[in-house]
C-alpha atoms as a PDB file:
ATOM      1  CA  PRO A   1       0.063  -0.006   0.018  1.00  0.00           C
ATOM      2  CA  ASP A   2       1.733   3.038  -1.293  1.00  0.00           C
ATOM      3  CA  GLU A   3       0.277   6.542  -1.422  1.00  0.00           C
ATOM      4  CA  VAL A   4       2.935   8.331  -3.323  1.00  0.00           C
ATOM      5  CA  GLY A   5       4.948   5.837  -5.348  1.00  0.00           C
ATOM      6  CA  GLU A   6       6.571   5.807  -8.722  1.00  0.00           C
ATOM      7  CA  SER A   7       7.231   2.654 -10.575  1.00  0.00           C
ATOM      8  CA  VAL A   8       5.377   0.333  -8.255  1.00  0.00           C
ATOM      9  CA  GLU A   9       5.752  -3.045  -9.886  1.00  0.00           C
ATOM     10  CA  ALA A  10       3.708  -5.249  -7.611  1.00  0.00           C
ATOM     11  CA  SER A  11       0.116  -5.536  -6.431  1.00  0.00           C
ATOM     12  CA  ALA A  12      -0.364  -2.592  -4.011  1.00  0.00           C
ATOM     13  CA  PRO A  13      -3.212  -0.043  -3.498  1.00  0.00           C
ATOM     14  CA  ASP A  14      -1.497   2.991  -4.801  1.00  0.00           C
ATOM     15  CA  GLU A  15      -2.907   6.504  -4.807  1.00  0.00           C
ATOM     16  CA  VAL A  16      -0.434   8.417  -6.711  1.00  0.00           C
ATOM     17  CA  GLY A  17       1.708   6.158  -8.758  1.00  0.00           C
ATOM     18  CA  GLU A  18       3.368   6.264 -12.119  1.00  0.00           C
ATOM     19  CA  SER A  19       4.186   3.174 -13.972  1.00  0.00           C
ATOM     20  CA  VAL A  20       2.316   0.741 -11.839  1.00  0.00           C
ATOM     21  CA  GLU A  21       3.028  -2.576 -13.662  1.00  0.00           C
ATOM     22  CA  ALA A  22       0.934  -5.022 -11.579  1.00  0.00           C
ATOM     23  CA  SER A  23      -2.715  -5.247 -10.407  1.00  0.00           C
ATOM     24  CA  ALA A  24      -3.233  -2.402  -7.940  1.00  0.00           C
ATOM     25  CA  PRO A  25      -6.015  -0.025  -7.059  1.00  0.00           C
ATOM     26  CA  ASP A  26      -4.480   3.256  -8.283  1.00  0.00           C
ATOM     27  CA  GLU A  27      -6.039   6.636  -8.142  1.00  0.00           C
ATOM     28  CA  VAL A  28      -3.613   8.611 -10.039  1.00  0.00           C
ATOM     29  CA  GLY A  29      -1.380   6.428 -12.232  1.00  0.00           C
ATOM     30  CA  GLU A  30       0.236   6.834 -15.581  1.00  0.00           C
ATOM     31  CA  SER A  31       1.058   3.804 -17.637  1.00  0.00           C
ATOM     32  CA  VAL A  32      -0.713   1.320 -15.374  1.00  0.00           C
ATOM     33  CA  GLU A  33      -0.068  -1.950 -17.221  1.00  0.00           C
ATOM     34  CA  ALA A  34      -2.278  -4.410 -15.307  1.00  0.00           C
ATOM     35  CA  SER A  35      -5.588  -4.837 -14.070  1.00  0.00           C
ATOM     36  CA  ALA A  36      -6.201  -2.021 -11.480  1.00  0.00           C
ATOM     37  CA  PRO A  37      -8.897   0.276 -10.556  1.00  0.00           C
ATOM     38  CA  ASP A  38      -7.418   3.681 -11.606  1.00  0.00           C
ATOM     39  CA  GLU A  39      -8.989   7.028 -11.372  1.00  0.00           C
ATOM     40  CA  VAL A  40      -6.504   9.217 -13.100  1.00  0.00           C
ATOM     41  CA  GLY A  41      -4.425   7.105 -15.341  1.00  0.00           C
ATOM     42  CA  GLU A  42      -2.816   7.568 -18.820  1.00  0.00           C
ATOM     43  CA  SER A  43      -1.879   4.574 -20.863  1.00  0.00           C
ATOM     44  CA  VAL A  44      -3.720   1.881 -18.902  1.00  0.00           C
ATOM     45  CA  GLU A  45      -3.153  -1.244 -20.757  1.00  0.00           C
ATOM     46  CA  ALA A  46      -5.168  -3.742 -18.952  1.00  0.00           C
ATOM     47  CA  SER A  47      -8.647  -4.191 -17.550  1.00  0.00           C
ATOM     48  CA  ALA A  48      -9.053  -1.446 -14.886  1.00  0.00           C
ATOM     49  CA  PRO A  49     -11.878   0.800 -13.740  1.00  0.00           C
ATOM     50  CA  ASP A  50     -10.298   4.102 -14.632  1.00  0.00           C
ATOM     51  CA  GLU A  51     -11.983   7.441 -14.428  1.00  0.00           C
ATOM     52  CA  VAL A  52      -9.469   9.717 -15.989  1.00  0.00           C
ATOM     53  CA  GLY A  53      -7.257   7.634 -18.382  1.00  0.00           C
ATOM     54  CA  GLU A  54      -5.789   8.277 -21.741  1.00  0.00           C
ATOM     55  CA  SER A  55      -5.186   5.316 -24.070  1.00  0.00           C
ATOM     56  CA  VAL A  56      -6.796   2.563 -22.008  1.00  0.00           C
ATOM     57  CA  GLU A  57      -6.304  -0.458 -24.162  1.00  0.00           C
ATOM     58  CA  ALA A  58      -8.317  -3.058 -22.274  1.00  0.00           C
ATOM     59  CA  SER A  59     -11.895  -3.289 -20.713  1.00  0.00           C
ATOM     60  CA  ALA A  60     -12.165  -0.753 -18.122  1.00  0.00           C
ATOM     61  CA  PRO A  61     -14.856   1.513 -16.791  1.00  0.00           C
ATOM     62  CA  ASP A  62     -13.434   4.816 -17.656  1.00  0.00           C
ATOM     63  CA  GLU A  63     -14.894   8.227 -17.131  1.00  0.00           C
ATOM     64  CA  VAL A  64     -12.433  10.523 -18.766  1.00  0.00           C
ATOM     65  CA  GLY A  65     -10.363   8.538 -21.334  1.00  0.00           C
ATOM     66  CA  GLU A  66      -8.878   9.237 -24.601  1.00  0.00           C
ATOM     67  CA  SER A  67      -8.109   6.441 -26.937  1.00  0.00           C
ATOM     68  CA  VAL A  68      -9.961   3.646 -25.128  1.00  0.00           C
ATOM     69  CA  GLU A  69      -9.518   0.690 -27.209  1.00  0.00           C
ATOM     70  CA  ALA A  70     -11.569  -1.972 -25.524  1.00  0.00           C
ATOM     71  CA  SER A  71     -15.036  -2.287 -23.960  1.00  0.00           C
ATOM     72  CA  ALA A  72     -15.226   0.135 -21.230  1.00  0.00           C
ATOM     73  CA  PRO A  73     -17.962   2.384 -19.750  1.00  0.00           C
ATOM     74  CA  ASP A  74     -16.438   5.781 -20.526  1.00  0.00           C
ATOM     75  CA  GLU A  75     -17.919   9.210 -19.909  1.00  0.00           C
ATOM     76  CA  VAL A  76     -15.480  11.425 -21.459  1.00  0.00           C
ATOM     77  CA  GLY A  77     -13.505   9.519 -23.972  1.00  0.00           C
ATOM     78  CA  GLU A  78     -11.924  10.491 -27.277  1.00  0.00           C
ATOM     79  CA  SER A  79     -11.115   7.623 -29.858  1.00  0.00           C
ATOM     80  CA  VAL A  80     -13.068   4.778 -28.004  1.00  0.00           C
ATOM     81  CA  GLU A  81     -12.546   2.031 -30.211  1.00  0.00           C
ATOM     82  CA  ALA A  82     -14.668  -0.692 -28.548  1.00  0.00           C
ATOM     83  CA  SER A  83     -18.133  -1.127 -27.195  1.00  0.00           C
ATOM     84  CA  ALA A  84     -18.308   1.276 -24.247  1.00  0.00           C
ATOM     85  CA  PRO A  85     -21.088   3.409 -22.588  1.00  0.00           C
ATOM     86  CA  ASP A  86     -19.685   6.780 -23.285  1.00  0.00           C
ATOM     87  CA  GLU A  87     -21.028  10.083 -22.404  1.00  0.00           C
ATOM     88  CA  VAL A  88     -18.738  12.512 -24.112  1.00  0.00           C
ATOM     89  CA  GLY A  89     -16.693  10.689 -26.639  1.00  0.00           C
ATOM     90  CA  LYS A  90     -15.100  11.510 -29.841  1.00  0.00           C
ATOM     91  CA  SER A  91     -14.347   9.029 -32.551  1.00  0.00           C
ATOM     92  CA  VAL A  92     -16.148   6.184 -30.834  1.00  0.00           C
ATOM     93  CA  GLU A  93     -15.616   3.243 -33.255  1.00  0.00           C
ATOM     94  CA  ALA A  94     -17.784   0.627 -31.825  1.00  0.00           C
ATOM     95  CA  SER A  95     -21.329   0.203 -30.446  1.00  0.00           C
ATOM     96  CA  ALA A  96     -21.453   2.384 -27.372  1.00  0.00           C
ATOM     97  CA  PRO A  97     -24.186   4.318 -25.757  1.00  0.00           C
ATOM     98  CA  ASP A  98     -22.962   7.884 -26.258  1.00  0.00           C
ATOM     99  CA  GLU A  99     -24.427  11.070 -25.216  1.00  0.00           C
ATOM    100  CA  VAL A 100     -22.120  13.574 -26.874  1.00  0.00           C
ATOM    101  CA  GLY A 101     -19.916  11.753 -29.500  1.00  0.00           C
ATOM    102  CA  LYS A 102     -18.506  12.931 -32.656  1.00  0.00           C
ATOM    103  CA  SER A 103     -17.596  10.440 -35.436  1.00  0.00           C
ATOM    104  CA  VAL A 104     -19.419   7.454 -34.116  1.00  0.00           C
ATOM    105  CA  GLU A 105     -18.767   4.739 -36.477  1.00  0.00           C
ATOM    106  CA  ALA A 106     -20.855   1.919 -35.057  1.00  0.00           C
ATOM    107  CA  PRO A 107     -24.587   1.750 -33.987  1.00  0.00           C
ATOM    108  CA  ALA A 108     -24.850   3.574 -30.762  1.00  0.00           C
ATOM    109  CA  PRO A 109     -27.575   5.328 -28.918  1.00  0.00           C
ATOM    110  CA  ASP A 110     -26.344   9.045 -29.171  1.00  0.00           C
ATOM    111  CA  GLU A 111     -28.051  11.932 -27.997  1.00  0.00           C
ATOM    112  CA  ALA A 112     -25.928  14.790 -29.320  1.00  0.00           C
ATOM    113  CA  SER A 113     -23.432  13.815 -32.023  1.00  0.00           C
ATOM    114  CA  SER A 114     -22.111  15.217 -34.996  1.00  0.00           C
ATOM    115  CA  SER A 115     -20.607  13.224 -38.001  1.00  0.00           C
ATOM    116  CA  VAL A 116     -22.116   9.845 -37.074  1.00  0.00           C
ATOM    117  CA  LEU A 117     -21.083   7.466 -39.471  1.00  0.00           C
END
């Protein structure tokens, strides 16, 4: 259990951690590479509930996430490429309930969206 920790490589609840490489609940973490609940995380590459995460590449509930590439409930997400409930999402490429989404390329219930393909 580590509150402020960079490069935590094992399973540990970590609040502020960059490069957490194992399954750990992590609130602020960049480059989390394993399954971890992560609130603020960039480049989360495994299944993790992530509130603010850019480039989340696996199934993770993600509130603010750019380039989420797997199925994840995502509130604010740009370039979500898999099926995810997404409130504000640009370039959502899979079927996702999306409230505000530009360039949605798959069938998705979408309230406000421009350029729906």
